[in-house]
Amino acid sequence: MRRTGFTWDPAARLARVMTVASRRKARNVRARPGGRVSVCQVDGGRWLTLEGPAAVSD
């Protein structure tokens, strides 16, 4: 199973998502630059959700 990872830079208020260009996530963002996205992480009964505009960089 493939997983997508992310990093969080609190000073810049920036989440970086690591994925492959051919994956649906990257294709969706390329189709709608600046569109809003969310990233969620679940750990038992706790979770984290980050939301905001997206851009793809290679």
N, C-alpha and C. Protein backbone atom coordinates (compact mmCIF):
# COMPACT_ATOMS: atom_id res chain seq x y z
N MET A 1 0.85 -1.18 0.00
CA MET A 1 0.00 0.00 0.00
C MET A 1 0.89 1.24 0.00
N ARG A 2 0.57 2.20 -0.84
CA ARG A 2 1.29 3.47 -0.88
C ARG A 2 0.69 4.43 0.12
N ARG A 3 1.54 5.21 0.73
CA ARG A 3 1.08 6.22 1.67
C ARG A 3 1.63 7.57 1.22
N THR A 4 0.92 8.61 1.58
CA THR A 4 1.36 9.97 1.29
C THR A 4 1.81 10.59 2.60
N GLY A 5 2.98 11.20 2.61
CA GLY A 5 3.49 11.84 3.81
C GLY A 5 3.41 13.35 3.69
N PHE A 6 3.55 14.02 4.85
CA PHE A 6 3.58 15.48 4.83
C PHE A 6 4.48 15.98 5.95
N THR A 7 4.97 17.19 5.78
CA THR A 7 5.71 17.88 6.83
C THR A 7 4.96 19.17 7.14
N TRP A 8 5.18 19.70 8.33
CA TRP A 8 4.52 20.94 8.75
C TRP A 8 5.58 21.92 9.23
N ASP A 9 5.57 23.12 8.66
CA ASP A 9 6.48 24.19 9.05
C ASP A 9 5.63 25.26 9.75
N PRO A 10 5.57 25.25 11.09
CA PRO A 10 4.68 26.19 11.79
C PRO A 10 5.07 27.65 11.59
N ALA A 11 6.35 27.96 11.47
CA ALA A 11 6.76 29.35 11.28
C ALA A 11 6.23 29.90 9.96
N ALA A 12 6.27 29.09 8.92
CA ALA A 12 5.79 29.50 7.60
C ALA A 12 4.31 29.18 7.40
N ARG A 13 3.72 28.44 8.37
CA ARG A 13 2.33 27.98 8.25
C ARG A 13 2.15 27.25 6.92
N LEU A 14 3.06 26.29 6.66
CA LEU A 14 3.13 25.60 5.37
C LEU A 14 3.22 24.10 5.58
N ALA A 15 2.32 23.36 4.94
CA ALA A 15 2.39 21.90 4.92
C ALA A 15 2.91 21.49 3.54
N ARG A 16 3.86 20.57 3.53
CA ARG A 16 4.39 20.04 2.28
C ARG A 16 3.98 18.58 2.19
N VAL A 17 3.30 18.22 1.11
CA VAL A 17 2.84 16.85 0.91
C VAL A 17 3.75 16.19 -0.11
N MET A 18 4.27 15.02 0.24
CA MET A 18 5.13 14.28 -0.68
C MET A 18 4.30 13.21 -1.36
N THR A 19 4.27 13.27 -2.67
CA THR A 19 3.54 12.28 -3.46
C THR A 19 4.22 12.17 -4.81
N VAL A 20 3.67 11.38 -5.69
CA VAL A 20 4.20 11.16 -7.03
C VAL A 20 3.31 11.91 -8.02
N ALA A 21 3.91 12.50 -9.04
CA ALA A 21 3.17 13.34 -10.00
C ALA A 21 1.98 12.63 -10.63
N SER A 22 2.05 11.32 -10.78
CA SER A 22 0.97 10.58 -11.44
C SER A 22 -0.20 10.28 -10.49
N ARG A 23 -0.04 10.51 -9.19
CA ARG A 23 -1.11 10.20 -8.24
C ARG A 23 -2.26 11.18 -8.37
N ARG A 24 -3.42 10.72 -8.02
CA ARG A 24 -4.66 11.52 -8.14
C ARG A 24 -4.54 12.85 -7.39
N LYS A 25 -3.90 12.86 -6.22
CA LYS A 25 -3.77 14.10 -5.43
C LYS A 25 -3.07 15.18 -6.24
N ALA A 26 -1.94 14.84 -6.84
CA ALA A 26 -1.18 15.82 -7.62
C ALA A 26 -1.96 16.22 -8.87
N ARG A 27 -2.59 15.28 -9.52
CA ARG A 27 -3.36 15.61 -10.73
C ARG A 27 -4.53 16.55 -10.41
N ASN A 28 -5.19 16.33 -9.28
CA ASN A 28 -6.31 17.20 -8.89
C ASN A 28 -5.83 18.63 -8.64
N VAL A 29 -4.70 18.79 -7.97
CA VAL A 29 -4.19 20.14 -7.69
C VAL A 29 -3.75 20.81 -8.98
N ARG A 30 -3.10 20.08 -9.87
CA ARG A 30 -2.71 20.66 -11.16
C ARG A 30 -3.93 21.11 -11.97
N ALA A 31 -5.04 20.40 -11.84
CA ALA A 31 -6.26 20.75 -12.58
C ALA A 31 -6.93 22.00 -12.01
N ARG A 32 -6.70 22.29 -10.71
CA ARG A 32 -7.31 23.45 -10.06
C ARG A 32 -6.29 24.16 -9.20
N PRO A 33 -5.33 24.85 -9.81
CA PRO A 33 -4.30 25.54 -9.02
C PRO A 33 -4.94 26.52 -8.03
N GLY A 34 -4.42 26.53 -6.81
CA GLY A 34 -4.95 27.42 -5.79
C GLY A 34 -6.21 26.91 -5.13
N GLY A 35 -6.72 25.76 -5.60
CA GLY A 35 -7.91 25.19 -4.98
C GLY A 35 -7.62 24.77 -3.55
N ARG A 36 -8.65 24.66 -2.73
CA ARG A 36 -8.47 24.30 -1.33
C ARG A 36 -8.37 22.79 -1.17
N VAL A 37 -7.50 22.38 -0.27
CA VAL A 37 -7.28 20.96 0.02
C VAL A 37 -7.20 20.77 1.54
N SER A 38 -7.22 19.52 1.95
CA SER A 38 -7.01 19.20 3.36
C SER A 38 -6.10 17.99 3.48
N VAL A 39 -5.36 17.95 4.57
CA VAL A 39 -4.49 16.83 4.91
C VAL A 39 -4.90 16.39 6.30
N CYS A 40 -5.16 15.11 6.48
CA CYS A 40 -5.58 14.59 7.77
C CYS A 40 -4.63 13.50 8.24
N GLN A 41 -4.40 13.46 9.55
CA GLN A 41 -3.58 12.42 10.18
C GLN A 41 -4.36 11.90 11.38
N VAL A 42 -4.53 10.59 11.47
CA VAL A 42 -5.28 9.98 12.57
C VAL A 42 -4.33 9.16 13.42
N ASP A 43 -4.47 9.29 14.74
CA ASP A 43 -3.68 8.52 15.70
C ASP A 43 -4.62 8.08 16.81
N GLY A 44 -5.22 6.91 16.64
CA GLY A 44 -6.20 6.44 17.63
C GLY A 44 -7.39 7.38 17.68
N GLY A 45 -7.66 7.93 18.88
CA GLY A 45 -8.79 8.85 19.04
C GLY A 45 -8.43 10.31 18.80
N ARG A 46 -7.19 10.57 18.35
CA ARG A 46 -6.77 11.95 18.07
C ARG A 46 -6.57 12.12 16.57
N TRP A 47 -6.79 13.33 16.09
CA TRP A 47 -6.54 13.59 14.68
C TRP A 47 -6.12 15.03 14.47
N LEU A 48 -5.51 15.26 13.33
CA LEU A 48 -5.03 16.57 12.92
C LEU A 48 -5.53 16.81 11.50
N THR A 49 -6.07 17.99 11.24
CA THR A 49 -6.48 18.35 9.88
C THR A 49 -5.90 19.72 9.56
N LEU A 50 -5.21 19.82 8.44
CA LEU A 50 -4.69 21.08 7.92
C LEU A 50 -5.44 21.38 6.64
N GLU A 51 -5.89 22.62 6.46
CA GLU A 51 -6.64 23.02 5.27
C GLU A 51 -6.06 24.29 4.70
N GLY A 52 -6.14 24.43 3.37
CA GLY A 52 -5.69 25.66 2.74
C GLY A 52 -5.52 25.51 1.24
N PRO A 53 -5.04 26.57 0.58
CA PRO A 53 -4.84 26.52 -0.87
C PRO A 53 -3.65 25.62 -1.21
N ALA A 54 -3.66 25.06 -2.41
CA ALA A 54 -2.62 24.11 -2.81
C ALA A 54 -1.91 24.55 -4.09
N ALA A 55 -0.66 24.12 -4.21
CA ALA A 55 0.13 24.31 -5.43
C ALA A 55 1.04 23.09 -5.57
N VAL A 56 1.41 22.77 -6.78
CA VAL A 56 2.34 21.66 -7.04
C VAL A 56 3.68 22.22 -7.47
N SER A 57 4.74 21.68 -6.88
CA SER A 57 6.09 22.03 -7.34
C SER A 57 6.84 20.72 -7.58
N ASP A 58 7.67 20.73 -8.60
CA ASP A 58 8.41 19.52 -8.95
C ASP A 58 9.83 19.60 -8.41
